[in-house]
Amino acid sequence: MKRRILGGTGISVSEYALGAMMFGALGNADHDDSVRIIHRALDAGINFVDTADVYSAGESEEIVGKALKGRRDDIVLATKAHFAMGDDPNHGGNSRRWITQEVENSLRRLGTDYIDLYQIHRPDPTTDVDETLSVLSDLVRAGKVRAVGSSTFPAEQIVEAQWVSERRGHVRFRSEQPPYSILARGVEAAVLPTARKYGMGVLSWGPLSAGWLTGRYTKASDIDLSGGRAAVEKHKFDPSLPDNARKLEAVGALAELASDAGLSLPHMAIAFVRAHPAITSVIIGPRTMEHLEDLLAGSEVELSEDVLDRIDEIVPPGTDLNRADSYYVPPALEDKSLRRR
């Protein structure tokens, strides 16, 4: 597994990062099987593991902690905080109060005394970023966190955070974790160039676009809206919606292109993300050992200029075929009171 340096930190990470979202009640509830999958990934050369407190309400972090016993010093461990961890409104967000408490909870669940990369999972419009960066700086100085990053931040908030860090003398975000796939290329317009401008590493997620690029969906009838993720996020899957119809059409053309290139669609999809010069590591999120083995088999795939050009023709650069796949809606669009007197 090839390595790259994470955002000027000097930390060497594998081009694939193992995403742990599917370990726990949300995906694979068998702890022993999940640990075996993690060990197989580590044995294959992956040294970067990414999880979050909110994944299966902390269960993912607990599974990762079990898997890393005896191997912790060889692994770059990343986790995140922001989303609600209960009904109390103070048990979530980006405040000093919550982050100070939640980092301790993550350390306990992970069974470690330090986190290599502590990420803020989403922006928080109710908390001044100066407040967030201040507490993150204290955690770095205390040795509980080695580096900090953001996740799914728009370009303008990445810039603001960098400015505040410089102006206030805080540690700065060393990485950004955006959704990025052939079907969701919006980050190419500003997020990825901004991350490169500030020397940030990019740990991208969703390269298979929530299953759309696995080859599972070839026609509208393949999409089951009665269960699983499609039932929860129908606006991202319902083929009767124009945005999703465009996705289905693009998937057909991409599957044909992959076949012509002698590749599987998932291997082509992940190689596409890895080919962008801003990308440090691509998060893969297997639920089963079979999923992991298939993803590992494509780790050396490199796409030719012809294939990349054809992908650009199918989905133009900077395009999100469904805007919902950006996974972030600015408060000014989400809250109508911010748009009306």
Foldseek 3Di string as FASTA:
>chain_A
DDWDDFLPLRDIFDQEEAEQLQDPPLHANDLVQSLVLVVVCVVLPGQEYEYECPRNNNVSLLSQLVSCVVPVVSHQAEYEFADASDDPPLCGHQALVNVVVVLVVSCVSNVHQAHAEYEYAEHDPVDDLLRNQVSVQVCCVVRRYVAYAYELYDQVVLVVQVVSCVVVVGGGHQEYEFEDWLQAQQCQVGVLVSCVVSSGAYAYECLCVLVLQQPQQQDQVSQDCPDDPCVVCVVCRNCVDQLNVLSNVLSNVLCVLQVVVVHHRSLVSSLLVSPDPRHRHYYDYDSGSVSSVVNSVSSPDHDDPVSNVVSCVSPPHNDNSRVVSRVDDPPCVVPCVNVDD
